Amino acid sequence: MDNQLFNEASCLQMLKMLKADSRSDAQDDLALIRDIMISFHNYVDVVVRGELKLSFADSSDGALWRDAVSQYDQSRHLAHELAIQNARLLNRLAQNYGLEAVYLGDPDQRHQVAAFCLEVDQFFFQNRRMKLS
């Protein structure tokens, strides 16, 4: 799959730059980026778990079904909102370090942010145990 929204090169450059910098603010930014990346994975995880739950749920009990759908919608919405905020934050961090944007889409386009989260997830899955030194 061609990455259309995730600028891998800029992300890796920022991670390597921060990892090599021993200053505490650089290490704080590195920890922040780790948390941001986890939030992108969390959004994908919430969607997959929610869809699986609904796929296997018994929809014959209307009240239970509505409750399951409502819980899924709420958790997905919250995870998506955090991913949107973090896509913006990640780009601000990249800009602060003189790098190109990492998220190449429009943060106001929710579907683009969702696709970006999946691209990030796939990147880290496909590049397991990648060294950043």
N, C-alpha and C. Protein backbone atom coordinates (compact mmCIF):
# COMPACT_ATOMS: atom_id res chain seq x y z
N MET A 1 0.84 -1.19 0.00
CA MET A 1 0.00 0.00 0.00
C MET A 1 0.88 1.24 0.00
N ASP A 2 0.64 2.14 -0.90
CA ASP A 2 1.39 3.39 -0.94
C ASP A 2 0.88 4.33 0.13
N ASN A 3 1.80 4.87 0.91
CA ASN A 3 1.40 5.85 1.91
C ASN A 3 1.04 7.15 1.23
N GLN A 4 -0.13 7.61 1.51
CA GLN A 4 -0.60 8.85 0.92
C GLN A 4 -0.71 9.96 1.95
N LEU A 5 -0.86 9.59 3.21
CA LEU A 5 -1.08 10.58 4.26
C LEU A 5 0.03 10.61 5.31
N PHE A 6 0.83 9.56 5.37
CA PHE A 6 1.88 9.43 6.38
C PHE A 6 3.24 9.66 5.74
N ASN A 7 3.90 10.73 6.15
CA ASN A 7 5.24 11.05 5.66
C ASN A 7 6.24 10.30 6.55
N GLU A 8 6.52 9.08 6.16
CA GLU A 8 7.42 8.21 6.93
C GLU A 8 8.79 8.85 7.12
N ALA A 9 9.32 9.41 6.05
CA ALA A 9 10.68 9.97 6.10
C ALA A 9 10.78 11.07 7.14
N SER A 10 9.82 11.97 7.16
CA SER A 10 9.86 13.05 8.14
C SER A 10 9.71 12.53 9.56
N CYS A 11 8.84 11.56 9.73
CA CYS A 11 8.64 10.96 11.06
C CYS A 11 9.92 10.30 11.55
N LEU A 12 10.52 9.48 10.71
CA LEU A 12 11.75 8.79 11.09
C LEU A 12 12.89 9.76 11.35
N GLN A 13 12.98 10.81 10.54
CA GLN A 13 14.02 11.81 10.73
C GLN A 13 13.85 12.49 12.09
N MET A 14 12.60 12.82 12.46
CA MET A 14 12.36 13.47 13.73
C MET A 14 12.67 12.52 14.89
N LEU A 15 12.26 11.26 14.77
CA LEU A 15 12.53 10.29 15.83
C LEU A 15 14.04 10.08 16.03
N LYS A 16 14.77 9.95 14.94
CA LYS A 16 16.22 9.77 15.04
C LYS A 16 16.90 11.00 15.64
N MET A 17 16.45 12.16 15.21
CA MET A 17 17.01 13.42 15.71
C MET A 17 16.79 13.52 17.23
N LEU A 18 15.59 13.22 17.67
CA LEU A 18 15.28 13.34 19.09
C LEU A 18 15.98 12.26 19.92
N LYS A 19 16.07 11.08 19.36
CA LYS A 19 16.72 9.99 20.08
C LYS A 19 18.20 10.29 20.30
N ALA A 20 18.82 10.99 19.37
CA ALA A 20 20.24 11.31 19.48
C ALA A 20 20.50 12.53 20.37
N ASP A 21 19.45 13.26 20.71
CA ASP A 21 19.57 14.50 21.49
C ASP A 21 19.31 14.18 22.96
N SER A 22 20.29 14.40 23.81
CA SER A 22 20.15 14.04 25.22
C SER A 22 19.48 15.13 26.07
N ARG A 23 19.20 16.27 25.47
CA ARG A 23 18.54 17.34 26.25
C ARG A 23 17.18 16.86 26.74
N SER A 24 16.77 17.33 27.91
CA SER A 24 15.51 16.85 28.51
C SER A 24 14.30 17.25 27.68
N ASP A 25 14.31 18.43 27.04
CA ASP A 25 13.15 18.82 26.24
C ASP A 25 13.02 17.93 25.00
N ALA A 26 14.14 17.51 24.44
CA ALA A 26 14.09 16.59 23.29
C ALA A 26 13.56 15.23 23.73
N GLN A 27 13.99 14.78 24.91
CA GLN A 27 13.51 13.50 25.42
C GLN A 27 12.03 13.57 25.78
N ASP A 28 11.58 14.73 26.25
CA ASP A 28 10.15 14.93 26.51
C ASP A 28 9.35 14.86 25.20
N ASP A 29 9.89 15.48 24.15
CA ASP A 29 9.22 15.44 22.85
C ASP A 29 9.19 14.02 22.30
N LEU A 30 10.25 13.27 22.51
CA LEU A 30 10.29 11.88 22.06
C LEU A 30 9.21 11.06 22.77
N ALA A 31 9.07 11.26 24.06
CA ALA A 31 8.02 10.55 24.83
C ALA A 31 6.63 10.99 24.35
N LEU A 32 6.49 12.26 24.04
CA LEU A 32 5.21 12.76 23.53
C LEU A 32 4.87 12.12 22.19
N ILE A 33 5.84 12.01 21.32
CA ILE A 33 5.60 11.38 20.01
C ILE A 33 5.22 9.91 20.20
N ARG A 34 5.87 9.23 21.13
CA ARG A 34 5.49 7.84 21.41
C ARG A 34 4.02 7.77 21.81
N ASP A 35 3.59 8.66 22.70
CA ASP A 35 2.19 8.68 23.14
C ASP A 35 1.25 9.02 21.99
N ILE A 36 1.68 9.91 21.12
CA ILE A 36 0.88 10.27 19.95
C ILE A 36 0.70 9.06 19.04
N MET A 37 1.79 8.35 18.78
CA MET A 37 1.71 7.16 17.92
C MET A 37 0.81 6.09 18.54
N ILE A 38 0.88 5.96 19.85
CA ILE A 38 0.00 5.00 20.53
C ILE A 38 -1.45 5.41 20.36
N SER A 39 -1.73 6.71 20.37
CA SER A 39 -3.13 7.16 20.19
C SER A 39 -3.63 6.83 18.78
N PHE A 40 -2.75 6.87 17.79
CA PHE A 40 -3.17 6.49 16.43
C PHE A 40 -3.51 5.00 16.39
N HIS A 41 -2.67 4.19 17.04
CA HIS A 41 -2.97 2.76 17.11
C HIS A 41 -4.26 2.52 17.90
N ASN A 42 -4.42 3.26 18.97
CA ASN A 42 -5.61 3.08 19.80
C ASN A 42 -6.88 3.32 19.00
N TYR A 43 -6.87 4.33 18.14
CA TYR A 43 -8.06 4.58 17.31
C TYR A 43 -8.35 3.37 16.43
N VAL A 44 -7.35 2.83 15.77
CA VAL A 44 -7.54 1.66 14.92
C VAL A 44 -8.04 0.48 15.76
N ASP A 45 -7.47 0.30 16.93
CA ASP A 45 -7.86 -0.79 17.81
C ASP A 45 -9.32 -0.65 18.26
N VAL A 46 -9.73 0.55 18.62
CA VAL A 46 -11.11 0.78 19.05
C VAL A 46 -12.08 0.45 17.92
N VAL A 47 -11.74 0.86 16.70
CA VAL A 47 -12.61 0.57 15.55
C VAL A 47 -12.70 -0.93 15.31
N VAL A 48 -11.58 -1.62 15.28
CA VAL A 48 -11.59 -3.05 14.99
C VAL A 48 -12.33 -3.81 16.09
N ARG A 49 -12.03 -3.51 17.34
CA ARG A 49 -12.71 -4.20 18.45
C ARG A 49 -14.21 -3.91 18.43
N GLY A 50 -14.57 -2.67 18.17
CA GLY A 50 -16.00 -2.32 18.13
C GLY A 50 -16.73 -3.02 17.00
N GLU A 51 -16.12 -3.05 15.83
CA GLU A 51 -16.75 -3.72 14.69
C GLU A 51 -16.87 -5.22 14.94
N LEU A 52 -15.85 -5.81 15.54
CA LEU A 52 -15.93 -7.24 15.86
C LEU A 52 -17.03 -7.51 16.88
N LYS A 53 -17.09 -6.66 17.89
CA LYS A 53 -18.12 -6.84 18.91
C LYS A 53 -19.51 -6.77 18.30
N LEU A 54 -19.74 -5.79 17.45
CA LEU A 54 -21.05 -5.65 16.82
C LEU A 54 -21.32 -6.78 15.84
N SER A 55 -20.30 -7.24 15.15
CA SER A 55 -20.48 -8.33 14.19
C SER A 55 -20.95 -9.62 14.86
N PHE A 56 -20.50 -9.84 16.07
CA PHE A 56 -20.84 -11.07 16.77
C PHE A 56 -21.96 -10.89 17.80
N ALA A 57 -22.45 -9.68 17.94
CA ALA A 57 -23.49 -9.41 18.94
C ALA A 57 -24.85 -9.89 18.45
N ASP A 58 -25.69 -10.20 19.41
CA ASP A 58 -27.07 -10.61 19.12
C ASP A 58 -27.92 -9.34 19.02
N SER A 59 -28.38 -9.05 17.84
CA SER A 59 -29.16 -7.83 17.63
C SER A 59 -30.64 -8.03 17.89
N SER A 60 -31.03 -9.21 18.35
CA SER A 60 -32.46 -9.45 18.59
C SER A 60 -32.97 -8.74 19.84
N ASP A 61 -32.08 -8.45 20.78
CA ASP A 61 -32.48 -7.68 21.96
C ASP A 61 -32.18 -6.22 21.69
N GLY A 62 -33.20 -5.47 21.35
CA GLY A 62 -33.03 -4.08 20.92
C GLY A 62 -32.30 -3.21 21.91
N ALA A 63 -32.62 -3.33 23.20
CA ALA A 63 -32.00 -2.48 24.22
C ALA A 63 -30.51 -2.80 24.35
N LEU A 64 -30.17 -4.07 24.37
CA LEU A 64 -28.75 -4.45 24.47
C LEU A 64 -27.99 -4.03 23.22
N TRP A 65 -28.61 -4.18 22.08
CA TRP A 65 -27.98 -3.79 20.82
C TRP A 65 -27.71 -2.29 20.78
N ARG A 66 -28.72 -1.51 21.14
CA ARG A 66 -28.55 -0.04 21.14
C ARG A 66 -27.46 0.38 22.13
N ASP A 67 -27.40 -0.30 23.29
CA ASP A 67 -26.37 0.02 24.27
C ASP A 67 -24.98 -0.30 23.72
N ALA A 68 -24.84 -1.45 23.06
CA ALA A 68 -23.55 -1.83 22.48
C ALA A 68 -23.13 -0.84 21.39
N VAL A 69 -24.06 -0.45 20.55
CA VAL A 69 -23.76 0.50 19.48
C VAL A 69 -23.39 1.86 20.07
N SER A 70 -24.11 2.28 21.08
CA SER A 70 -23.84 3.57 21.72
C SER A 70 -22.46 3.59 22.37
N GLN A 71 -22.12 2.52 23.09
CA GLN A 71 -20.80 2.45 23.72
C GLN A 71 -19.69 2.47 22.67
N TYR A 72 -19.88 1.73 21.60
CA TYR A 72 -18.89 1.70 20.53
C TYR A 72 -18.75 3.08 19.89
N ASP A 73 -19.86 3.71 19.57
CA ASP A 73 -19.82 5.03 18.94
C ASP A 73 -19.10 6.04 19.83
N GLN A 74 -19.37 5.99 21.12
CA GLN A 74 -18.74 6.94 22.04
C GLN A 74 -17.23 6.70 22.12
N SER A 75 -16.82 5.45 22.29
CA SER A 75 -15.38 5.18 22.41
C SER A 75 -14.66 5.48 21.11
N ARG A 76 -15.27 5.17 19.97
CA ARG A 76 -14.67 5.47 18.67
C ARG A 76 -14.54 6.98 18.48
N HIS A 77 -15.58 7.72 18.82
CA HIS A 77 -15.56 9.17 18.66
C HIS A 77 -14.44 9.80 19.51
N LEU A 78 -14.34 9.38 20.76
CA LEU A 78 -13.30 9.93 21.63
C LEU A 78 -11.90 9.61 21.11
N ALA A 79 -11.69 8.38 20.67
CA ALA A 79 -10.38 7.99 20.14
C ALA A 79 -10.07 8.76 18.86
N HIS A 80 -11.09 9.00 18.04
CA HIS A 80 -10.91 9.73 16.78
C HIS A 80 -10.56 11.19 17.07
N GLU A 81 -11.26 11.80 18.00
CA GLU A 81 -10.97 13.20 18.35
C GLU A 81 -9.54 13.35 18.85
N LEU A 82 -9.09 12.41 19.67
CA LEU A 82 -7.70 12.46 20.15
C LEU A 82 -6.72 12.29 19.00
N ALA A 83 -7.02 11.40 18.08
CA ALA A 83 -6.13 11.19 16.91
C ALA A 83 -6.06 12.47 16.07
N ILE A 84 -7.17 13.15 15.90
CA ILE A 84 -7.18 14.40 15.13
C ILE A 84 -6.31 15.45 15.81
N GLN A 85 -6.49 15.61 17.12
CA GLN A 85 -5.67 16.58 17.87
C GLN A 85 -4.19 16.22 17.78
N ASN A 86 -3.90 14.93 17.88
CA ASN A 86 -2.51 14.49 17.87
C ASN A 86 -1.87 14.58 16.48
N ALA A 87 -2.65 14.45 15.42
CA ALA A 87 -2.11 14.66 14.07
C ALA A 87 -1.66 16.11 13.92
N ARG A 88 -2.47 17.01 14.43
CA ARG A 88 -2.09 18.44 14.40
C ARG A 88 -0.83 18.69 15.24
N LEU A 89 -0.81 18.11 16.43
CA LEU A 89 0.34 18.28 17.33
C LEU A 89 1.61 17.71 16.73
N LEU A 90 1.52 16.55 16.12
CA LEU A 90 2.68 15.93 15.48
C LEU A 90 3.25 16.83 14.40
N ASN A 91 2.39 17.44 13.62
CA ASN A 91 2.86 18.36 12.57
C ASN A 91 3.50 19.61 13.17
N ARG A 92 2.96 20.10 14.28
CA ARG A 92 3.58 21.26 14.94
C ARG A 92 4.98 20.90 15.46
N LEU A 93 5.11 19.70 16.01
CA LEU A 93 6.43 19.26 16.48
C LEU A 93 7.41 19.17 15.31
N ALA A 94 6.97 18.57 14.22
CA ALA A 94 7.84 18.47 13.04
C ALA A 94 8.26 19.86 12.57
N GLN A 95 7.32 20.78 12.53
CA GLN A 95 7.62 22.14 12.10
C GLN A 95 8.63 22.79 13.05
N ASN A 96 8.46 22.57 14.35
CA ASN A 96 9.39 23.14 15.34
C ASN A 96 10.81 22.64 15.12
N TYR A 97 10.96 21.43 14.58
CA TYR A 97 12.29 20.88 14.33
C TYR A 97 12.73 21.10 12.88
N GLY A 98 12.01 21.93 12.15
CA GLY A 98 12.40 22.28 10.79
C GLY A 98 12.16 21.17 9.78
N LEU A 99 11.21 20.28 10.07
CA LEU A 99 10.94 19.14 9.20
C LEU A 99 9.59 19.30 8.50
N GLU A 100 9.43 18.51 7.46
CA GLU A 100 8.15 18.49 6.75
C GLU A 100 7.08 17.88 7.64
N ALA A 101 5.84 18.16 7.31
CA ALA A 101 4.71 17.59 8.05
C ALA A 101 4.76 16.07 8.00
N VAL A 102 4.32 15.44 9.06
CA VAL A 102 4.22 13.99 9.12
C VAL A 102 2.85 13.55 8.63
N TYR A 103 1.82 14.27 9.05
CA TYR A 103 0.46 14.01 8.55
C TYR A 103 0.23 14.92 7.35
N LEU A 104 0.01 14.33 6.19
CA LEU A 104 -0.07 15.09 4.95
C LEU A 104 -1.50 15.43 4.53
N GLY A 105 -2.46 15.09 5.35
CA GLY A 105 -3.85 15.36 5.01
C GLY A 105 -4.37 16.61 5.68
N ASP A 106 -5.67 16.76 5.60
CA ASP A 106 -6.38 17.88 6.22
C ASP A 106 -6.95 17.39 7.54
N PRO A 107 -6.54 17.97 8.67
CA PRO A 107 -7.03 17.49 9.96
C PRO A 107 -8.53 17.67 10.15
N ASP A 108 -9.15 18.49 9.33
CA ASP A 108 -10.60 18.66 9.40
C ASP A 108 -11.35 17.58 8.63
N GLN A 109 -10.62 16.75 7.89
CA GLN A 109 -11.24 15.65 7.15
C GLN A 109 -11.08 14.36 7.97
N ARG A 110 -12.13 14.02 8.70
CA ARG A 110 -12.08 12.90 9.64
C ARG A 110 -11.67 11.59 8.98
N HIS A 111 -12.15 11.35 7.76
CA HIS A 111 -11.80 10.10 7.07
C HIS A 111 -10.32 10.04 6.73
N GLN A 112 -9.74 11.20 6.42
CA GLN A 112 -8.31 11.24 6.15
C GLN A 112 -7.50 10.91 7.40
N VAL A 113 -7.92 11.45 8.52
CA VAL A 113 -7.21 11.15 9.78
C VAL A 113 -7.32 9.67 10.10
N ALA A 114 -8.50 9.09 9.88
CA ALA A 114 -8.69 7.66 10.12
C ALA A 114 -7.76 6.83 9.22
N ALA A 115 -7.68 7.19 7.95
CA ALA A 115 -6.80 6.48 7.02
C ALA A 115 -5.34 6.65 7.42
N PHE A 116 -4.99 7.83 7.88
CA PHE A 116 -3.63 8.11 8.36
C PHE A 116 -3.29 7.19 9.54
N CYS A 117 -4.21 7.06 10.48
CA CYS A 117 -3.97 6.19 11.65
C CYS A 117 -3.70 4.77 11.20
N LEU A 118 -4.44 4.31 10.22
CA LEU A 118 -4.23 2.95 9.71
C LEU A 118 -2.87 2.84 9.02
N GLU A 119 -2.48 3.87 8.27
CA GLU A 119 -1.16 3.85 7.62
C GLU A 119 -0.05 3.79 8.65
N VAL A 120 -0.17 4.58 9.72
CA VAL A 120 0.85 4.57 10.78
C VAL A 120 0.91 3.19 11.42
N ASP A 121 -0.25 2.63 11.72
CA ASP A 121 -0.32 1.29 12.31
C ASP A 121 0.35 0.26 11.41
N GLN A 122 0.04 0.31 10.14
CA GLN A 122 0.62 -0.63 9.18
C GLN A 122 2.13 -0.44 9.07
N PHE A 123 2.58 0.80 9.09
CA PHE A 123 4.02 1.07 9.01
C PHE A 123 4.76 0.41 10.17
N PHE A 124 4.28 0.62 11.38
CA PHE A 124 4.97 0.04 12.53
C PHE A 124 4.84 -1.48 12.56
N PHE A 125 3.74 -2.00 12.07
CA PHE A 125 3.60 -3.46 12.00
C PHE A 125 4.57 -4.04 10.97
N GLN A 126 4.66 -3.40 9.82
CA GLN A 126 5.52 -3.91 8.74
C GLN A 126 7.00 -3.70 9.02
N ASN A 127 7.32 -2.79 9.92
CA ASN A 127 8.72 -2.48 10.24
C ASN A 127 9.03 -2.83 11.69
N ARG A 128 8.55 -3.97 12.12
CA ARG A 128 8.77 -4.41 13.50
C ARG A 128 10.26 -4.41 13.82
N ARG A 129 10.55 -4.04 15.05
CA ARG A 129 11.91 -4.04 15.60
C ARG A 129 12.88 -3.15 14.84
N MET A 130 12.34 -2.12 14.20
CA MET A 130 13.16 -1.16 13.49
C MET A 130 14.01 -0.38 14.49
N LYS A 131 15.25 -0.20 14.18
CA LYS A 131 16.16 0.57 15.04
C LYS A 131 16.21 2.01 14.54
N LEU A 132 16.19 2.93 15.48
CA LEU A 132 16.20 4.35 15.13
C LEU A 132 17.55 5.00 15.43
N SER A 133 18.61 4.26 15.32
CA SER A 133 19.93 4.87 15.63
C SER A 133 20.74 5.02 14.38
